[in-house]
């Protein structure tokens, strides 16, 4: 199993970023997929989840209305569109498979700062 995140970077408050996660080594279309983040000095925080067919999504209260999770099963790729970014969104963002979560990627850093 391999999950490789990309798309992180430095962005100003109010800005946007789109994260991607390329999945391989398992049947992507059969798995729920998640985004989890970890801010400096804090524990992991679940952010979002999407059903295997992309038909249903869930979000934490902290990102609801600002983030959108999606997936392209033809490309074995998971996405997280992040808008109206805030300082408190600064974290290492992980793509994770399963329900419950069984595999994690290496993470991509998102820093929201002026």
PDB file of N, CA and C in Angstrom:
ATOM      1  N   UNK A   1       0.855  -1.193   0.000  1.00  0.00           N
ATOM      2  CA  UNK A   1       0.000   0.000   0.000  1.00  0.00           C
ATOM      3  C   UNK A   1       0.886   1.236   0.000  1.00  0.00           C
ATOM      4  N   UNK A   2       0.553   2.176  -0.879  1.00  0.00           N
ATOM      5  CA  UNK A   2       1.299   3.436  -0.907  1.00  0.00           C
ATOM      6  C   UNK A   2       0.322   4.591  -1.075  1.00  0.00           C
ATOM      7  N   UNK A   3       0.465   5.590  -0.215  1.00  0.00           N
ATOM      8  CA  UNK A   3      -0.333   6.808  -0.278  1.00  0.00           C
ATOM      9  C   UNK A   3       0.636   7.975  -0.306  1.00  0.00           C
ATOM     10  N   UNK A   4       0.596   8.766  -1.363  1.00  0.00           N
ATOM     11  CA  UNK A   4       1.566   9.856  -1.529  1.00  0.00           C
ATOM     12  C   UNK A   4       0.815  11.170  -1.687  1.00  0.00           C
ATOM     13  N   UNK A   5       0.950  12.021  -0.673  1.00  0.00           N
ATOM     14  CA  UNK A   5       0.290  13.328  -0.681  1.00  0.00           C
ATOM     15  C   UNK A   5       1.146  14.363  -1.381  1.00  0.00           C
ATOM     16  N   UNK A   6       0.502  15.367  -1.942  1.00  0.00           N
ATOM     17  CA  UNK A   6       1.192  16.487  -2.559  1.00  0.00           C
ATOM     18  C   UNK A   6       0.277  17.696  -2.537  1.00  0.00           C
ATOM     19  N   UNK A   7       0.845  18.865  -2.846  1.00  0.00           N
ATOM     20  CA  UNK A   7       0.041  20.065  -2.963  1.00  0.00           C
ATOM     21  C   UNK A   7       0.121  21.019  -1.790  1.00  0.00           C
ATOM     22  N   UNK A   8       0.818  20.636  -0.735  1.00  0.00           N
ATOM     23  CA  UNK A   8       0.964  21.526   0.406  1.00  0.00           C
ATOM     24  C   UNK A   8       1.857  22.712   0.081  1.00  0.00           C
ATOM     25  N   UNK A   9       1.910  23.666   1.009  1.00  0.00           N
ATOM     26  CA  UNK A   9       2.755  24.826   0.807  1.00  0.00           C
ATOM     27  C   UNK A   9       2.422  25.935   1.776  1.00  0.00           C
ATOM     28  N   UNK A  10       2.962  27.108   1.486  1.00  0.00           N
ATOM     29  CA  UNK A  10       2.732  28.298   2.294  1.00  0.00           C
ATOM     30  C   UNK A  10       1.660  29.148   1.626  1.00  0.00           C
ATOM     31  N   UNK A  11       0.660  29.535   2.387  1.00  0.00           N
ATOM     32  CA  UNK A  11      -0.436  30.326   1.837  1.00  0.00           C
ATOM     33  C   UNK A  11      -0.848  31.370   2.877  1.00  0.00           C
ATOM     34  N   UNK A  12      -1.321  32.503   2.402  1.00  0.00           N
ATOM     35  CA  UNK A  12      -1.780  33.550   3.309  1.00  0.00           C
ATOM     36  C   UNK A  12      -3.165  33.230   3.844  1.00  0.00           C
ATOM     37  N   UNK A  13      -3.502  33.757   5.000  1.00  0.00           N
ATOM     38  CA  UNK A  13      -4.872  33.583   5.519  1.00  0.00           C
ATOM     39  C   UNK A  13      -5.888  34.045   4.479  1.00  0.00           C
ATOM     40  N   UNK A  14      -6.946  33.260   4.342  1.00  0.00           N
ATOM     41  CA  UNK A  14      -7.966  33.537   3.348  1.00  0.00           C
ATOM     42  C   UNK A  14      -7.702  32.889   2.002  1.00  0.00           C
ATOM     43  N   UNK A  15      -6.525  32.335   1.838  1.00  0.00           N
ATOM     44  CA  UNK A  15      -6.155  31.709   0.582  1.00  0.00           C
ATOM     45  C   UNK A  15      -6.664  30.293   0.433  1.00  0.00           C
ATOM     46  N   UNK A  16      -6.253  29.655  -0.662  1.00  0.00           N
ATOM     47  CA  UNK A  16      -6.724  28.309  -0.981  1.00  0.00           C
ATOM     48  C   UNK A  16      -5.564  27.407  -1.380  1.00  0.00           C
ATOM     49  N   UNK A  17      -5.762  26.127  -1.152  1.00  0.00           N
ATOM     50  CA  UNK A  17      -4.829  25.099  -1.611  1.00  0.00           C
ATOM     51  C   UNK A  17      -5.626  23.864  -1.977  1.00  0.00           C
ATOM     52  N   UNK A  18      -5.059  23.060  -2.871  1.00  0.00           N
ATOM     53  CA  UNK A  18      -5.671  21.784  -3.211  1.00  0.00           C
ATOM     54  C   UNK A  18      -4.645  20.682  -2.977  1.00  0.00           C
ATOM     55  N   UNK A  19      -4.959  19.784  -2.074  1.00  0.00           N
ATOM     56  CA  UNK A  19      -4.101  18.646  -1.797  1.00  0.00           C
ATOM     57  C   UNK A  19      -4.534  17.458  -2.645  1.00  0.00           C
ATOM     58  N   UNK A  20      -3.561  16.638  -3.013  1.00  0.00           N
ATOM     59  CA  UNK A  20      -3.835  15.402  -3.734  1.00  0.00           C
ATOM     60  C   UNK A  20      -3.183  14.236  -3.003  1.00  0.00           C
ATOM     61  N   UNK A  21      -3.735  13.057  -3.195  1.00  0.00           N
ATOM     62  CA  UNK A  21      -3.170  11.838  -2.617  1.00  0.00           C
ATOM     63  C   UNK A  21      -3.266  10.742  -3.674  1.00  0.00           C
ATOM     64  N   UNK A  22      -2.126  10.299  -4.152  1.00  0.00           N
ATOM     65  CA  UNK A  22      -2.079   9.217  -5.131  1.00  0.00           C
ATOM     66  C   UNK A  22      -1.977   7.891  -4.400  1.00  0.00           C
ATOM     67  N   UNK A  23      -2.913   7.006  -4.692  1.00  0.00           N
ATOM     68  CA  UNK A  23      -2.985   5.725  -3.991  1.00  0.00           C
ATOM     69  C   UNK A  23      -2.595   4.579  -4.913  1.00  0.00           C
ATOM     70  N   UNK A  24      -1.916   3.580  -4.352  1.00  0.00           N
ATOM     71  CA  UNK A  24      -1.560   2.395  -5.119  1.00  0.00           C
ATOM     72  C   UNK A  24      -1.373   1.218  -4.178  1.00  0.00           C
ATOM     73  N   UNK A  25      -1.439   0.022  -4.749  1.00  0.00           N
ATOM     74  CA  UNK A  25      -1.181  -1.178  -3.961  1.00  0.00           C
ATOM     75  C   UNK A  25      -2.390  -1.782  -3.293  1.00  0.00           C
ATOM     76  N   UNK A  26      -3.558  -1.217  -3.514  1.00  0.00           N
ATOM     77  CA  UNK A  26      -4.789  -1.773  -2.964  1.00  0.00           C
ATOM     78  C   UNK A  26      -5.939  -1.348  -3.869  1.00  0.00           C
ATOM     79  N   UNK A  27      -7.111  -1.924  -3.624  1.00  0.00           N
ATOM     80  CA  UNK A  27      -8.285  -1.628  -4.449  1.00  0.00           C
ATOM     81  C   UNK A  27      -8.915  -0.332  -3.951  1.00  0.00           C
ATOM     82  N   UNK A  28      -8.449   0.773  -4.515  1.00  0.00           N
ATOM     83  CA  UNK A  28      -8.854   2.116  -4.070  1.00  0.00           C
ATOM     84  C   UNK A  28     -10.367   2.259  -4.064  1.00  0.00           C
ATOM     85  N   UNK A  29     -11.033   1.714  -5.057  1.00  0.00           N
ATOM     86  CA  UNK A  29     -12.470   1.906  -5.213  1.00  0.00           C
ATOM     87  C   UNK A  29     -13.285   1.205  -4.131  1.00  0.00           C
ATOM     88  N   UNK A  30     -12.649   0.337  -3.352  1.00  0.00           N
ATOM     89  CA  UNK A  30     -13.356  -0.393  -2.306  1.00  0.00           C
ATOM     90  C   UNK A  30     -13.195   0.226  -0.930  1.00  0.00           C
ATOM     91  N   UNK A  31     -12.463   1.319  -0.837  1.00  0.00           N
ATOM     92  CA  UNK A  31     -12.095   1.889   0.457  1.00  0.00           C
ATOM     93  C   UNK A  31     -12.680   3.271   0.692  1.00  0.00           C
ATOM     94  N   UNK A  32     -13.193   3.483   1.935  1.00  0.00           N
ATOM     95  CA  UNK A  32     -13.371   4.838   2.410  1.00  0.00           C
ATOM     96  C   UNK A  32     -11.977   5.471   2.487  1.00  0.00           C
ATOM     97  N   UNK A  33     -11.922   6.786   2.263  1.00  0.00           N
ATOM     98  CA  UNK A  33     -10.647   7.499   2.374  1.00  0.00           C
ATOM     99  C   UNK A  33     -10.820   8.704   3.283  1.00  0.00           C
ATOM    100  N   UNK A  34      -9.732   9.062   3.963  1.00  0.00           N
ATOM    101  CA  UNK A  34      -9.768  10.128   4.955  1.00  0.00           C
ATOM    102  C   UNK A  34      -8.644  11.145   4.747  1.00  0.00           C
ATOM    103  N   UNK A  35      -8.867  12.313   5.275  1.00  0.00           N
ATOM    104  CA  UNK A  35      -7.802  13.283   5.496  1.00  0.00           C
ATOM    105  C   UNK A  35      -7.708  13.512   7.003  1.00  0.00           C
ATOM    106  N   UNK A  36      -6.488  13.469   7.511  1.00  0.00           N
ATOM    107  CA  UNK A  36      -6.212  13.684   8.924  1.00  0.00           C
ATOM    108  C   UNK A  36      -5.072  14.688   8.991  1.00  0.00           C
ATOM    109  N   UNK A  37      -5.098  15.567   9.967  1.00  0.00           N
ATOM    110  CA  UNK A  37      -4.013  16.541  10.083  1.00  0.00           C
ATOM    111  C   UNK A  37      -3.446  16.542  11.499  1.00  0.00           C
ATOM    112  N   UNK A  38      -2.211  17.001  11.597  1.00  0.00           N
ATOM    113  CA  UNK A  38      -1.567  17.113  12.894  1.00  0.00           C
ATOM    114  C   UNK A  38      -0.816  18.429  12.971  1.00  0.00           C
ATOM    115  N   UNK A  39      -1.272  19.293  13.849  1.00  0.00           N
ATOM    116  CA  UNK A  39      -0.624  20.585  14.053  1.00  0.00           C
ATOM    117  C   UNK A  39       0.568  20.410  14.989  1.00  0.00           C
ATOM    118  N   UNK A  40       1.509  21.330  14.938  1.00  0.00           N
ATOM    119  CA  UNK A  40       2.691  21.234  15.804  1.00  0.00           C
ATOM    120  C   UNK A  40       2.307  21.147  17.278  1.00  0.00           C
ATOM    121  N   UNK A  41       2.820  20.156  17.967  1.00  0.00           N
ATOM    122  CA  UNK A  41       2.569  20.012  19.390  1.00  0.00           C
ATOM    123  C   UNK A  41       1.221  19.444  19.764  1.00  0.00           C
ATOM    124  N   UNK A  42       0.444  19.021  18.766  1.00  0.00           N
ATOM    125  CA  UNK A  42      -0.896  18.490  19.031  1.00  0.00           C
ATOM    126  C   UNK A  42      -1.033  17.079  18.460  1.00  0.00           C
ATOM    127  N   UNK A  43      -2.083  16.397  18.889  1.00  0.00           N
ATOM    128  CA  UNK A  43      -2.356  15.065  18.372  1.00  0.00           C
ATOM    129  C   UNK A  43      -3.051  15.126  17.031  1.00  0.00           C
ATOM    130  N   UNK A  44      -3.190  13.984  16.365  1.00  0.00           N
ATOM    131  CA  UNK A  44      -3.885  13.943  15.073  1.00  0.00           C
ATOM    132  C   UNK A  44      -5.334  14.373  15.212  1.00  0.00           C
ATOM    133  N   UNK A  45      -5.817  15.067  14.168  1.00  0.00           N
ATOM    134  CA  UNK A  45      -7.211  15.513  14.115  1.00  0.00           C
ATOM    135  C   UNK A  45      -7.818  15.024  12.813  1.00  0.00           C
ATOM    136  N   UNK A  46      -8.855  14.229  12.896  1.00  0.00           N
ATOM    137  CA  UNK A  46      -9.563  13.810  11.689  1.00  0.00           C
ATOM    138  C   UNK A  46     -10.221  15.024  11.042  1.00  0.00           C
ATOM    139  N   UNK A  47     -10.108  15.140   9.721  1.00  0.00           N
ATOM    140  CA  UNK A  47     -10.613  16.301   8.986  1.00  0.00           C
ATOM    141  C   UNK A  47     -11.822  15.955   8.124  1.00  0.00           C
ATOM    142  N   UNK A  48     -11.691  14.872   7.350  1.00  0.00           N
ATOM    143  CA  UNK A  48     -12.758  14.567   6.391  1.00  0.00           C
ATOM    144  C   UNK A  48     -12.684  13.108   5.973  1.00  0.00           C
ATOM    145  N   UNK A  49     -13.826  12.612   5.480  1.00  0.00           N
ATOM    146  CA  UNK A  49     -13.919  11.236   5.012  1.00  0.00           C
ATOM    147  C   UNK A  49     -14.840  11.195   3.803  1.00  0.00           C
ATOM    148  N   UNK A  50     -14.552  10.273   2.894  1.00  0.00           N
ATOM    149  CA  UNK A  50     -15.384  10.130   1.707  1.00  0.00           C
ATOM    150  C   UNK A  50     -15.633   8.645   1.460  1.00  0.00           C
ATOM    151  N   UNK A  51     -16.880   8.324   1.128  1.00  0.00           N
ATOM    152  CA  UNK A  51     -17.264   6.956   0.844  1.00  0.00           C
ATOM    153  C   UNK A  51     -16.568   6.463  -0.416  1.00  0.00           C
ATOM    154  N   UNK A  52     -16.479   5.130  -0.562  1.00  0.00           N
ATOM    155  CA  UNK A  52     -15.716   4.563  -1.676  1.00  0.00           C
ATOM    156  C   UNK A  52     -16.199   5.017  -3.048  1.00  0.00           C
ATOM    157  N   UNK A  53     -17.502   5.320  -3.175  1.00  0.00           N
ATOM    158  CA  UNK A  53     -18.015   5.769  -4.476  1.00  0.00           C
ATOM    159  C   UNK A  53     -18.070   7.284  -4.592  1.00  0.00           C
ATOM    160  N   UNK A  54     -17.615   7.982  -3.568  1.00  0.00           N
ATOM    161  CA  UNK A  54     -17.621   9.438  -3.594  1.00  0.00           C
ATOM    162  C   UNK A  54     -18.974  10.060  -3.332  1.00  0.00           C
ATOM    163  N   UNK A  55     -19.977   9.230  -3.077  1.00  0.00           N
ATOM    164  CA  UNK A  55     -21.331   9.739  -2.959  1.00  0.00           C
ATOM    165  C   UNK A  55     -21.665  10.413  -1.639  1.00  0.00           C
ATOM    166  N   UNK A  56     -20.909  10.108  -0.611  1.00  0.00           N
ATOM    167  CA  UNK A  56     -21.168  10.682   0.714  1.00  0.00           C
ATOM    168  C   UNK A  56     -19.860  11.169   1.312  1.00  0.00           C
ATOM    169  N   UNK A  57     -19.912  12.337   1.938  1.00  0.00           N
ATOM    170  CA  UNK A  57     -18.735  12.917   2.559  1.00  0.00           C
ATOM    171  C   UNK A  57     -19.061  13.381   3.982  1.00  0.00           C
ATOM    172  N   UNK A  58     -18.048  13.456   4.802  1.00  0.00           N
ATOM    173  CA  UNK A  58     -18.184  13.921   6.177  1.00  0.00           C
ATOM    174  C   UNK A  58     -17.037  14.887   6.484  1.00  0.00           C
ATOM    175  N   UNK A  59     -17.286  15.835   7.380  1.00  0.00           N
ATOM    176  CA  UNK A  59     -16.276  16.833   7.729  1.00  0.00           C
ATOM    177  C   UNK A  59     -16.294  17.099   9.227  1.00  0.00           C
ATOM    178  N   UNK A  60     -15.139  17.463   9.749  1.00  0.00           N
ATOM    179  CA  UNK A  60     -15.104  17.939  11.123  1.00  0.00           C
ATOM    180  C   UNK A  60     -15.727  19.331  11.164  1.00  0.00           C
ATOM    181  N   UNK A  61     -16.218  19.718  12.320  1.00  0.00           N
ATOM    182  CA  UNK A  61     -16.845  21.039  12.458  1.00  0.00           C
ATOM    183  C   UNK A  61     -15.862  22.157  12.147  1.00  0.00           C
ATOM    184  N   UNK A  62     -14.586  21.908  12.391  1.00  0.00           N
ATOM    185  CA  UNK A  62     -13.583  22.967  12.212  1.00  0.00           C
ATOM    186  C   UNK A  62     -13.337  23.326  10.747  1.00  0.00           C
ATOM    187  N   UNK A  63     -13.710  22.434   9.823  1.00  0.00           N
ATOM    188  CA  UNK A  63     -13.447  22.707   8.405  1.00  0.00           C
ATOM    189  C   UNK A  63     -14.721  22.723   7.555  1.00  0.00           C
ATOM    190  N   UNK A  64     -15.844  22.355   8.147  1.00  0.00           N
ATOM    191  CA  UNK A  64     -17.094  22.264   7.393  1.00  0.00           C
ATOM    192  C   UNK A  64     -17.425  23.604   6.754  1.00  0.00           C
ATOM    193  N   UNK A  65     -17.762  23.570   5.472  1.00  0.00           N
ATOM    194  CA  UNK A  65     -18.088  24.780   4.735  1.00  0.00           C
ATOM    195  C   UNK A  65     -16.894  25.440   4.073  1.00  0.00           C
ATOM    196  N   UNK A  66     -15.675  25.017   4.433  1.00  0.00           N
ATOM    197  CA  UNK A  66     -14.467  25.591   3.846  1.00  0.00           C
ATOM    198  C   UNK A  66     -13.675  24.567   3.034  1.00  0.00           C
ATOM    199  N   UNK A  67     -13.726  23.313   3.436  1.00  0.00           N
ATOM    200  CA  UNK A  67     -12.973  22.255   2.759  1.00  0.00           C
ATOM    201  C   UNK A  67     -13.940  21.343   2.003  1.00  0.00           C
ATOM    202  N   UNK A  68     -13.458  20.801   0.893  1.00  0.00           N
ATOM    203  CA  UNK A  68     -14.240  19.849   0.110  1.00  0.00           C
ATOM    204  C   UNK A  68     -13.370  18.653  -0.263  1.00  0.00           C
ATOM    205  N   UNK A  69     -13.822  17.465   0.115  1.00  0.00           N
ATOM    206  CA  UNK A  69     -13.106  16.241  -0.243  1.00  0.00           C
ATOM    207  C   UNK A  69     -13.751  15.638  -1.483  1.00  0.00           C
ATOM    208  N   UNK A  70     -12.911  15.075  -2.344  1.00  0.00           N
ATOM    209  CA  UNK A  70     -13.415  14.406  -3.540  1.00  0.00           C
ATOM    210  C   UNK A  70     -12.424  13.309  -3.933  1.00  0.00           C
ATOM    211  N   UNK A  71     -12.846  12.487  -4.845  1.00  0.00           N
ATOM    212  CA  UNK A  71     -11.962  11.418  -5.316  1.00  0.00           C
ATOM    213  C   UNK A  71     -12.221  11.146  -6.784  1.00  0.00           C
ATOM    214  N   UNK A  72     -11.168  10.695  -7.471  1.00  0.00           N
ATOM    215  CA  UNK A  72     -11.268  10.272  -8.859  1.00  0.00           C
ATOM    216  C   UNK A  72     -10.863   8.802  -8.883  1.00  0.00           C
ATOM    217  N   UNK A  73     -11.826   7.917  -8.884  1.00  0.00           N
ATOM    218  CA  UNK A  73     -11.529   6.490  -8.809  1.00  0.00           C
ATOM    219  C   UNK A  73     -10.835   5.969 -10.063  1.00  0.00           C
ATOM    220  N   UNK A  74     -11.006   6.658 -11.184  1.00  0.00           N
ATOM    221  CA  UNK A  74     -10.318   6.251 -12.409  1.00  0.00           C
ATOM    222  C   UNK A  74      -8.818   6.520 -12.298  1.00  0.00           C
ATOM    223  N   UNK A  75      -8.450   7.508 -11.475  1.00  0.00           N
ATOM    224  CA  UNK A  75      -7.040   7.873 -11.302  1.00  0.00           C
ATOM    225  C   UNK A  75      -6.476   7.427  -9.952  1.00  0.00           C
ATOM    226  N   UNK A  76      -7.288   6.728  -9.153  1.00  0.00           N
ATOM    227  CA  UNK A  76      -6.857   6.312  -7.810  1.00  0.00           C
ATOM    228  C   UNK A  76      -6.304   7.493  -7.009  1.00  0.00           C
ATOM    229  N   UNK A  77      -7.027   8.595  -7.037  1.00  0.00           N
ATOM    230  CA  UNK A  77      -6.546   9.820  -6.412  1.00  0.00           C
ATOM    231  C   UNK A  77      -7.612  10.446  -5.539  1.00  0.00           C
ATOM    232  N   UNK A  78      -7.195  10.895  -4.375  1.00  0.00           N
ATOM    233  CA  UNK A  78      -8.040  11.591  -3.416  1.00  0.00           C
ATOM    234  C   UNK A  78      -7.625  13.060  -3.394  1.00  0.00           C
ATOM    235  N   UNK A  79      -8.592  13.948  -3.196  1.00  0.00           N
ATOM    236  CA  UNK A  79      -8.315  15.385  -3.181  1.00  0.00           C
ATOM    237  C   UNK A  79      -8.895  16.042  -1.937  1.00  0.00           C
ATOM    238  N   UNK A  80      -8.319  17.183  -1.569  1.00  0.00           N
ATOM    239  CA  UNK A  80      -8.899  18.031  -0.538  1.00  0.00           C
ATOM    240  C   UNK A  80      -8.736  19.476  -0.996  1.00  0.00           C
ATOM    241  N   UNK A  81      -9.856  20.098  -1.338  1.00  0.00           N
ATOM    242  CA  UNK A  81      -9.873  21.504  -1.720  1.00  0.00           C
ATOM    243  C   UNK A  81     -10.080  22.314  -0.449  1.00  0.00           C
ATOM    244  N   UNK A  82      -9.138  23.204  -0.158  1.00  0.00           N
ATOM    245  CA  UNK A  82      -9.184  23.979   1.083  1.00  0.00           C
ATOM    246  C   UNK A  82      -9.300  25.463   0.749  1.00  0.00           C
ATOM    247  N   UNK A  83     -10.363  26.076   1.198  1.00  0.00           N
ATOM    248  CA  UNK A  83     -10.603  27.497   0.959  1.00  0.00           C
ATOM    249  C   UNK A  83     -10.708  28.248   2.274  1.00  0.00           C
ATOM    250  N   UNK A  84     -10.612  29.568   2.190  1.00  0.00           N
ATOM    251  CA  UNK A  84     -10.717  30.424   3.385  1.00  0.00           C
ATOM    252  C   UNK A  84      -9.807  29.916   4.502  1.00  0.00           C
ATOM    253  N   UNK A  85      -8.576  29.649   4.152  1.00  0.00           N
ATOM    254  CA  UNK A  85      -7.647  29.047   5.116  1.00  0.00           C
ATOM    255  C   UNK A  85      -7.347  30.000   6.264  1.00  0.00           C
ATOM    256  N   UNK A  86      -7.185  29.410   7.453  1.00  0.00           N
ATOM    257  CA  UNK A  86      -6.929  30.161   8.670  1.00  0.00           C
ATOM    258  C   UNK A  86      -5.576  29.723   9.261  1.00  0.00           C
ATOM    259  N   UNK A  87      -5.031  30.546  10.141  1.00  0.00           N
ATOM    260  CA  UNK A  87      -3.778  30.193  10.814  1.00  0.00           C
ATOM    261  C   UNK A  87      -3.881  28.807  11.446  1.00  0.00           C
ATOM    262  N   UNK A  88      -5.023  28.533  12.050  1.00  0.00           N
ATOM    263  CA  UNK A  88      -5.191  27.270  12.774  1.00  0.00           C
ATOM    264  C   UNK A  88      -5.301  26.044  11.869  1.00  0.00           C
ATOM    265  N   UNK A  89      -5.322  26.258  10.556  1.00  0.00           N
ATOM    266  CA  UNK A  89      -5.285  25.128   9.621  1.00  0.00           C
ATOM    267  C   UNK A  89      -3.856  24.658   9.366  1.00  0.00           C
ATOM    268  N   UNK A  90      -2.873  25.367   9.885  1.00  0.00           N
ATOM    269  CA  UNK A  90      -1.478  24.968   9.723  1.00  0.00           C
ATOM    270  C   UNK A  90      -1.243  23.606  10.358  1.00  0.00           C
ATOM    271  N   UNK A  91      -0.762  22.659   9.552  1.00  0.00           N
ATOM    272  CA  UNK A  91      -0.574  21.287  10.035  1.00  0.00           C
ATOM    273  C   UNK A  91       0.067  20.446   8.945  1.00  0.00           C
ATOM    274  N   UNK A  92       0.469  19.253   9.340  1.00  0.00           N
ATOM    275  CA  UNK A  92       0.868  18.229   8.388  1.00  0.00           C
ATOM    276  C   UNK A  92      -0.397  17.445   8.039  1.00  0.00           C
ATOM    277  N   UNK A  93      -0.719  17.394   6.772  1.00  0.00           N
ATOM    278  CA  UNK A  93      -1.952  16.763   6.315  1.00  0.00           C
ATOM    279  C   UNK A  93      -1.649  15.379   5.747  1.00  0.00           C
ATOM    280  N   UNK A  94      -2.364  14.393   6.280  1.00  0.00           N
ATOM    281  CA  UNK A  94      -2.176  13.012   5.868  1.00  0.00           C
ATOM    282  C   UNK A  94      -3.406  12.485   5.142  1.00  0.00           C
ATOM    283  N   UNK A  95      -3.153  11.705   4.140  1.00  0.00           N
ATOM    284  CA  UNK A  95      -4.164  10.888   3.489  1.00  0.00           C
ATOM    285  C   UNK A  95      -4.149   9.531   4.193  1.00  0.00           C
ATOM    286  N   UNK A  96      -5.330   8.967   4.477  1.00  0.00           N
ATOM    287  CA  UNK A  96      -5.382   7.701   5.193  1.00  0.00           C
ATOM    288  C   UNK A  96      -6.526   6.858   4.652  1.00  0.00           C
ATOM    289  N   UNK A  97      -6.286   5.571   4.538  1.00  0.00           N
ATOM    290  CA  UNK A  97      -7.295   4.687   3.952  1.00  0.00           C
ATOM    291  C   UNK A  97      -8.044   3.921   5.035  1.00  0.00           C
ATOM    292  N   UNK A  98      -9.283   3.552   4.709  1.00  0.00           N
ATOM    293  CA  UNK A  98     -10.018   2.612   5.527  1.00  0.00           C
ATOM    294  C   UNK A  98     -10.946   3.232   6.550  1.00  0.00           C
ATOM    295  N   UNK A  99     -11.773   2.341   7.102  1.00  0.00           N
ATOM    296  CA  UNK A  99     -12.717   2.695   8.170  1.00  0.00           C
ATOM    297  C   UNK A  99     -12.894   1.467   9.040  1.00  0.00           C
ATOM    298  N   UNK A 100     -12.121   1.356  10.177  1.00  0.00           N
ATOM    299  CA  UNK A 100     -11.197   2.374  10.691  1.00  0.00           C
ATOM    300  C   UNK A 100      -9.946   2.516   9.827  1.00  0.00           C
ATOM    301  N   UNK A 101      -9.184   3.544  10.073  1.00  0.00           N
ATOM    302  CA  UNK A 101      -7.988   3.847   9.286  1.00  0.00           C
ATOM    303  C   UNK A 101      -6.953   2.740   9.468  1.00  0.00           C
ATOM    304  N   UNK A 102      -6.404   2.282   8.325  1.00  0.00           N
ATOM    305  CA  UNK A 102      -5.391   1.247   8.402  1.00  0.00           C
ATOM    306  C   UNK A 102      -4.050   1.675   7.811  1.00  0.00           C
ATOM    307  N   UNK A 103      -4.025   2.532   6.808  1.00  0.00           N
ATOM    308  CA  UNK A 103      -2.757   2.984   6.231  1.00  0.00           C
ATOM    309  C   UNK A 103      -2.749   4.501   6.130  1.00  0.00           C
ATOM    310  N   UNK A 104      -1.517   5.065   6.287  1.00  0.00           N
ATOM    311  CA  UNK A 104      -1.313   6.507   6.220  1.00  0.00           C
ATOM    312  C   UNK A 104      -0.246   6.816   5.176  1.00  0.00           C
ATOM    313  N   UNK A 105      -0.339   8.019   4.602  1.00  0.00           N
ATOM    314  CA  UNK A 105       0.735   8.515   3.765  1.00  0.00           C
ATOM    315  C   UNK A 105       1.799   9.177   4.620  1.00  0.00           C
ATOM    316  N   UNK A 106       2.742   9.849   3.974  1.00  0.00           N
ATOM    317  CA  UNK A 106       3.835  10.491   4.702  1.00  0.00           C
ATOM    318  C   UNK A 106       3.500  11.931   5.076  1.00  0.00           C
ATOM    319  N   UNK A 107       2.443  12.475   4.494  1.00  0.00           N
ATOM    320  CA  UNK A 107       1.984  13.806   4.833  1.00  0.00           C
ATOM    321  C   UNK A 107       2.533  14.895   3.933  1.00  0.00           C
ATOM    322  N   UNK A 108       1.784  15.990   3.858  1.00  0.00           N
ATOM    323  CA  UNK A 108       2.227  17.184   3.143  1.00  0.00           C
ATOM    324  C   UNK A 108       1.950  18.388   4.036  1.00  0.00           C
ATOM    325  N   UNK A 109       2.925  19.287   4.140  1.00  0.00           N
ATOM    326  CA  UNK A 109       2.830  20.401   5.077  1.00  0.00           C
ATOM    327  C   UNK A 109       2.018  21.549   4.489  1.00  0.00           C
ATOM    328  N   UNK A 110       1.084  22.041   5.283  1.00  0.00           N
ATOM    329  CA  UNK A 110       0.316  23.235   4.940  1.00  0.00           C
ATOM    330  C   UNK A 110       0.605  24.280   6.016  1.00  0.00           C
ATOM    331  N   UNK A 111       1.080  25.430   5.584  1.00  0.00           N
ATOM    332  CA  UNK A 111       1.377  26.519   6.512  1.00  0.00           C
ATOM    333  C   UNK A 111       0.594  27.748   6.083  1.00  0.00           C
ATOM    334  N   UNK A 112      -0.234  28.246   6.990  1.00  0.00           N
ATOM    335  CA  UNK A 112      -1.041  29.437   6.724  1.00  0.00           C
ATOM    336  C   UNK A 112      -0.448  30.583   7.540  1.00  0.00           C
ATOM    337  N   UNK A 113       0.123  31.545   6.830  1.00  0.00           N
ATOM    338  CA  UNK A 113       0.834  32.619   7.519  1.00  0.00           C
ATOM    339  C   UNK A 113       0.980  33.815   6.613  1.00  0.00           C
ATOM    340  N   UNK A 114       1.092  34.993   7.238  1.00  0.00           N
ATOM    341  CA  UNK A 114       1.376  36.205   6.485  1.00  0.00           C
ATOM    342  C   UNK A 114       2.881  36.351   6.317  1.00  0.00           C
TER     343      UNK A 114
END
